Amino acid sequence: MSAVLRSVLYMPSSNARALEKAKTIPADAIIFDLEDAVAPDAKRDARGQAVAAVQSGEYGGRVLTIRCNGLDTPWGEDDLRAAATSGATAVVIPKVSGTAHLAEVVRILDEAGAPAELAVWAMVETPTAVLDVRDIAAADRVTVLVMGTNDLAKELRAALVPGRAPLLPHLATTLLAAREAGVLVLDGVYNDVKDLEGFEAEALQGKELGFDGKTLVHPTQVEVANRVWAPSEDEVAHAHRVIEAFDEAQREGKGVVTVDGRMIENLHVDNARRTLATADAIAALA
């Protein structure tokens, strides 16, 4: 299956202490941030530190990505060129405005010698991106959509409230596009780093909606995200029962099978296999 991305932690690449600490944080992925978390006069040094971090080999099996500044800034193109051959799994592109924007990103990456496997994670954080998200999800190199809920709420003049009712239509639209295109999709950040109860409630909502994981702004959120998006022991045991019962029914020529009092169809078997694949991938990380 695709990489497990339960917990995806933003780390400011200008902060050497934070980069060192990230080596021991059990996040599934790290976004070395060159954009929002870095002051203008620190952008160049942050770029070098992000590339050095990716190339250090000191972050274990984590997925390592670099969030570049926008192409409408003085740093965006240089960020892309540096990231292209850094060895990162992906470049994270903020405020994607559509396929023309992504085509320009890919052109720069290709010119800079990016390998074919370097992916693009496209951030969906503007009304235009939501309206064009179907095409964005299907664009060249895009393997992950990332919700930028803070910027999206700002652009919409919507409130960030518990339950996120003002954003639910846009979250759902992005999920639909990701599933149609066969790419992963990450939920947005939760801002109150001291409110782990609120964070867990939002993470559970994100999982129930169908997101593959959540972007995070603080290491304390990692354990919760990892737990929420990991199959429980009961879910793994049930998945095994579903597959075993269905396989036995197939061998015996039966068209209907029940497990734990519920009828099982192909869709349930697919879900069970996905559960077991996720559990295996998480075990491999450990």
Protein backbone atom coordinates (compact mmCIF):
# COMPACT_ATOMS: atom_id res chain seq x y z
CA MET A 1 0.00 0.00 0.00
CA SER A 2 1.01 3.66 -0.11
CA ALA A 3 3.11 5.19 2.65
CA VAL A 4 1.42 5.50 6.03
CA LEU A 5 0.80 9.19 6.71
CA ARG A 6 -1.12 9.24 9.97
CA SER A 7 0.95 12.06 11.46
CA VAL A 8 2.65 14.65 9.24
CA LEU A 9 4.56 17.21 11.29
CA TYR A 10 5.55 20.67 10.08
CA MET A 11 9.03 21.61 11.30
CA PRO A 12 10.54 25.10 10.78
CA SER A 13 13.73 24.57 8.80
CA SER A 14 15.30 27.73 10.22
CA ASN A 15 15.32 26.20 13.72
CA ALA A 16 18.30 23.87 14.08
CA ARG A 17 17.14 22.73 17.51
CA ALA A 18 13.73 21.74 16.15
CA LEU A 19 15.34 19.83 13.28
CA GLU A 20 17.47 17.91 15.75
CA LYS A 21 14.47 17.11 17.95
CA ALA A 22 12.50 15.88 14.94
CA LYS A 23 14.90 12.94 14.62
CA THR A 24 13.30 11.37 17.71
CA ILE A 25 9.64 12.32 17.17
CA PRO A 26 7.61 9.30 15.98
CA ALA A 27 5.77 11.14 13.21
CA ASP A 28 5.15 9.16 10.04
CA ALA A 29 6.30 12.12 7.94
CA ILE A 30 7.98 15.49 8.33
CA ILE A 31 7.43 18.62 6.29
CA PHE A 32 10.59 20.71 6.50
CA ASP A 33 8.97 24.10 6.18
CA LEU A 34 10.52 26.97 4.23
CA GLU A 35 7.30 28.98 3.99
CA ASP A 36 5.10 30.24 6.84
CA ALA A 37 7.36 29.20 9.71
CA VAL A 38 10.46 30.97 8.38
CA ALA A 39 11.16 34.71 8.48
CA PRO A 40 12.23 36.37 5.21
CA ASP A 41 15.80 36.99 6.34
CA ALA A 42 16.17 33.31 7.29
CA LYS A 43 14.79 31.78 4.06
CA ARG A 44 18.12 31.05 2.39
CA ASP A 45 19.73 29.43 5.43
CA ALA A 46 16.55 27.44 6.08
CA ARG A 47 16.69 26.05 2.56
CA GLY A 48 20.19 24.73 3.11
CA GLN A 49 19.28 23.26 6.47
CA ALA A 50 16.22 21.50 5.03
CA VAL A 51 18.26 19.89 2.26
CA ALA A 52 20.96 18.87 4.74
CA ALA A 53 18.34 17.33 7.04
CA VAL A 54 16.84 15.26 4.21
CA GLN A 55 20.28 14.06 3.15
CA SER A 56 21.53 13.33 6.68
CA GLY A 57 20.06 9.84 6.90
CA GLU A 58 19.22 10.55 10.55
CA TYR A 59 15.42 10.51 10.38
CA GLY A 60 14.87 6.76 10.17
CA GLY A 61 12.03 5.54 8.01
CA ARG A 62 10.04 8.76 8.10
CA VAL A 63 8.73 10.25 4.87
CA LEU A 64 10.67 13.50 4.39
CA THR A 65 9.27 16.41 2.38
CA ILE A 66 10.12 20.08 1.85
CA ARG A 67 7.48 22.81 1.73
CA CYS A 68 8.70 25.44 -0.70
CA ASN A 69 7.76 29.08 -0.85
CA GLY A 70 5.33 30.09 -3.57
CA LEU A 71 6.54 30.89 -7.07
CA ASP A 72 5.23 34.41 -6.57
CA THR A 73 7.91 35.03 -3.93
CA PRO A 74 11.64 35.73 -4.33
CA TRP A 75 12.48 32.29 -2.90
CA GLY A 76 10.06 29.85 -4.53
CA GLU A 77 11.98 28.85 -7.64
CA ASP A 78 15.28 28.46 -5.77
CA ASP A 79 13.48 26.33 -3.16
CA LEU A 80 12.20 24.02 -5.89
CA ARG A 81 15.59 23.71 -7.55
CA ALA A 82 17.23 22.86 -4.24
CA ALA A 83 14.54 20.35 -3.31
CA ALA A 84 14.61 18.71 -6.75
CA THR A 85 17.79 16.74 -6.08
CA SER A 86 17.68 16.74 -2.28
CA GLY A 87 16.45 13.17 -1.97
CA ALA A 88 13.14 14.28 -0.45
CA THR A 89 10.09 12.14 -1.12
CA ALA A 90 8.05 15.17 -2.16
CA VAL A 91 7.88 18.92 -2.48
CA VAL A 92 4.90 20.49 -0.75
CA ILE A 93 3.42 23.33 -2.81
CA PRO A 94 1.39 25.99 -0.95
CA LYS A 95 -1.67 27.76 -2.30
CA VAL A 96 -1.93 25.74 -5.48
CA SER A 97 -4.03 27.76 -7.92
CA GLY A 98 -4.61 25.11 -10.57
CA THR A 99 -2.98 22.85 -13.11
CA ALA A 100 -1.06 25.66 -14.83
CA HIS A 101 0.59 26.43 -11.49
CA LEU A 102 1.49 22.76 -11.01
CA ALA A 103 2.78 22.48 -14.58
CA GLU A 104 5.21 25.34 -13.87
CA VAL A 105 6.33 23.59 -10.67
CA VAL A 106 6.96 20.37 -12.59
CA ARG A 107 8.82 22.25 -15.34
CA ILE A 108 11.22 23.74 -12.79
CA LEU A 109 11.71 20.39 -11.06
CA ASP A 110 12.43 18.66 -14.36
CA GLU A 111 14.90 21.38 -15.41
CA ALA A 112 16.65 21.01 -12.05
CA GLY A 113 17.12 17.28 -12.57
CA ALA A 114 14.42 15.94 -10.26
CA PRO A 115 14.10 12.15 -10.38
CA ALA A 116 10.87 10.70 -11.74
CA GLU A 117 9.85 9.51 -8.28
CA LEU A 118 9.92 12.98 -6.68
CA ALA A 119 6.28 13.66 -5.86
CA VAL A 120 4.26 16.83 -5.46
CA TRP A 121 1.99 17.34 -2.46
CA ALA A 122 -0.53 19.99 -3.48
CA MET A 123 -1.99 22.21 -0.78
CA VAL A 124 -5.69 22.99 -1.10
CA GLU A 125 -6.15 26.24 0.78
CA THR A 126 -8.00 28.70 -1.47
CA PRO A 127 -11.48 28.82 -3.02
CA THR A 128 -9.90 28.42 -6.47
CA ALA A 129 -8.09 25.26 -5.39
CA VAL A 130 -11.30 23.74 -4.03
CA LEU A 131 -13.17 24.54 -7.24
CA ASP A 132 -10.34 23.07 -9.35
CA VAL A 133 -9.40 20.24 -6.99
CA ARG A 134 -10.48 17.47 -9.35
CA ASP A 135 -7.91 18.57 -11.94
CA ILE A 136 -5.29 19.30 -9.28
CA ALA A 137 -5.59 15.78 -7.86
CA ALA A 138 -5.04 14.28 -11.31
CA ALA A 139 -2.05 16.48 -12.22
CA ASP A 140 1.43 15.16 -13.03
CA ARG A 141 3.50 14.09 -10.00
CA VAL A 142 0.70 14.82 -7.49
CA THR A 143 0.40 11.97 -4.99
CA VAL A 144 -1.04 13.77 -1.95
CA LEU A 145 -3.52 16.59 -1.36
CA VAL A 146 -2.99 18.61 1.81
CA MET A 147 -5.80 20.67 3.33
CA GLY A 148 -4.71 24.15 4.34
CA THR A 149 -7.66 24.81 6.60
CA ASN A 150 -6.33 27.99 8.23
CA ASP A 151 -5.83 29.82 4.94
CA LEU A 152 -9.01 28.38 3.46
CA ALA A 153 -11.07 29.62 6.41
CA LYS A 154 -9.45 33.04 6.08
CA GLU A 155 -10.22 33.24 2.36
CA LEU A 156 -13.82 32.14 2.95
CA ARG A 157 -14.26 34.45 5.97
CA ALA A 158 -15.41 31.31 7.78
CA ALA A 159 -15.10 30.61 11.47
CA LEU A 160 -12.79 27.90 12.80
CA VAL A 161 -15.14 26.27 15.30
CA PRO A 162 -15.44 22.84 16.95
CA GLY A 163 -16.97 20.43 14.46
CA ARG A 164 -15.79 22.57 11.52
CA ALA A 165 -19.28 22.88 10.02
CA PRO A 166 -18.30 25.88 7.83
CA LEU A 167 -15.53 23.82 6.19
CA LEU A 168 -17.20 20.42 5.84
CA PRO A 169 -18.38 20.89 2.22
CA HIS A 170 -14.85 21.82 1.14
CA LEU A 171 -13.25 18.97 3.07
CA ALA A 172 -15.69 16.56 1.44
CA THR A 173 -15.08 17.96 -2.05
CA THR A 174 -11.32 17.51 -1.65
CA LEU A 175 -11.80 13.96 -0.38
CA LEU A 176 -13.94 13.11 -3.40
CA ALA A 177 -11.27 14.39 -5.77
CA ALA A 178 -8.50 12.50 -3.98
CA ARG A 179 -10.39 9.21 -4.08
CA GLU A 180 -11.31 9.64 -7.74
CA ALA A 181 -7.66 10.30 -8.63
CA GLY A 182 -6.31 7.57 -6.35
CA VAL A 183 -4.12 9.90 -4.28
CA LEU A 184 -3.82 10.36 -0.53
CA VAL A 185 -5.36 13.30 1.29
CA LEU A 186 -4.32 14.88 4.59
CA ASP A 187 -6.52 16.82 6.99
CA GLY A 188 -5.48 20.33 8.06
CA VAL A 189 -3.82 21.44 11.29
CA TYR A 190 -5.36 22.03 14.70
CA ASN A 191 -4.07 25.30 16.11
CA ASP A 192 -4.49 24.99 19.90
CA VAL A 193 -1.50 22.84 20.81
CA LYS A 194 -2.54 22.71 24.48
CA ASP A 195 -6.02 21.34 23.73
CA LEU A 196 -5.31 17.67 23.08
CA GLU A 197 -8.92 16.73 23.79
CA GLY A 198 -10.12 19.08 21.06
CA PHE A 199 -7.38 17.86 18.77
CA GLU A 200 -8.41 14.24 19.26
CA ALA A 201 -12.03 15.07 18.52
CA GLU A 202 -11.03 16.76 15.26
CA ALA A 203 -8.68 13.90 14.35
CA LEU A 204 -11.49 11.39 14.89
CA GLN A 205 -13.73 13.50 12.67
CA GLY A 206 -11.03 13.56 10.00
CA LYS A 207 -10.63 9.80 10.09
CA GLU A 208 -14.39 9.25 9.95
CA LEU A 209 -14.62 11.57 6.94
CA GLY A 210 -11.99 9.47 5.17
CA PHE A 211 -8.72 11.41 5.46
CA ASP A 212 -5.52 9.36 5.42
CA GLY A 213 -3.91 11.35 8.23
CA LYS A 214 -3.44 14.83 9.63
CA THR A 215 -0.90 17.61 9.38
CA LEU A 216 0.40 18.73 12.76
CA VAL A 217 1.97 21.84 14.25
CA HIS A 218 3.36 20.39 17.49
CA PRO A 219 5.06 17.15 18.58
CA THR A 220 2.49 16.59 21.35
CA GLN A 221 -0.12 15.92 18.66
CA VAL A 222 1.82 13.04 17.08
CA GLU A 223 0.84 10.28 19.51
CA VAL A 224 -2.85 11.10 19.23
CA ALA A 225 -2.82 11.14 15.43
CA ASN A 226 -0.88 7.88 15.28
CA ARG A 227 -3.39 6.23 17.60
CA VAL A 228 -6.50 7.59 15.87
CA TRP A 229 -5.41 6.48 12.39
CA ALA A 230 -4.09 3.07 13.47
CA PRO A 231 -6.45 0.07 13.35
CA SER A 232 -7.29 -1.19 16.83
CA GLU A 233 -6.64 -4.79 17.89
CA ASP A 234 -10.37 -5.47 17.61
CA GLU A 235 -10.48 -4.02 14.08
CA VAL A 236 -7.52 -6.15 13.00
CA ALA A 237 -9.07 -9.28 14.51
CA HIS A 238 -12.39 -8.55 12.80
CA ALA A 239 -10.62 -8.01 9.47
CA HIS A 240 -8.98 -11.43 9.76
CA ARG A 241 -12.36 -13.03 10.51
CA VAL A 242 -13.97 -11.32 7.52
CA ILE A 243 -11.30 -12.49 5.09
CA GLU A 244 -11.18 -16.03 6.46
CA ALA A 245 -14.96 -16.40 6.39
CA PHE A 246 -15.25 -14.98 2.90
CA ASP A 247 -12.47 -17.19 1.55
CA GLU A 248 -14.10 -20.26 3.09
CA ALA A 249 -17.47 -19.31 1.61
CA GLN A 250 -15.87 -18.90 -1.81
CA ARG A 251 -14.30 -22.36 -1.58
CA GLU A 252 -17.65 -23.87 -0.64
CA GLY A 253 -19.51 -22.06 -3.40
CA LYS A 254 -21.62 -19.99 -1.03
CA GLY A 255 -22.87 -16.61 -2.17
CA VAL A 256 -23.59 -15.19 1.27
CA VAL A 257 -21.52 -15.22 4.45
CA THR A 258 -22.05 -13.61 7.85
CA VAL A 259 -19.43 -12.51 10.37
CA ASP A 260 -20.36 -11.37 13.86
CA GLY A 261 -24.00 -11.43 12.81
CA ARG A 262 -23.53 -9.19 9.76
CA MET A 263 -23.68 -10.06 6.09
CA ILE A 264 -20.33 -9.75 4.32
CA GLU A 265 -19.89 -8.64 0.72
CA ASN A 266 -16.89 -7.83 -1.46
CA LEU A 267 -16.76 -4.25 -0.22
CA HIS A 268 -16.34 -5.47 3.36
CA VAL A 269 -13.51 -7.74 2.24
CA ASP A 270 -11.81 -4.81 0.53
CA ASN A 271 -12.10 -2.76 3.72
CA ALA A 272 -10.69 -5.65 5.74
CA ARG A 273 -7.71 -6.00 3.44
CA ARG A 274 -7.07 -2.27 3.68
CA THR A 275 -7.17 -2.50 7.47
CA LEU A 276 -4.63 -5.32 7.51
CA ALA A 277 -2.37 -3.56 5.00
CA THR A 278 -2.40 -0.45 7.18
CA ALA A 279 -1.62 -2.47 10.29
CA ASP A 280 1.26 -4.22 8.51
CA ALA A 281 2.68 -0.93 7.26
CA ILE A 282 2.54 0.56 10.77
CA ALA A 283 4.24 -2.53 12.19
CA ALA A 284 6.99 -2.18 9.59
CA LEU A 285 7.64 1.39 10.77
CA ALA A 286 8.23 0.13 14.30
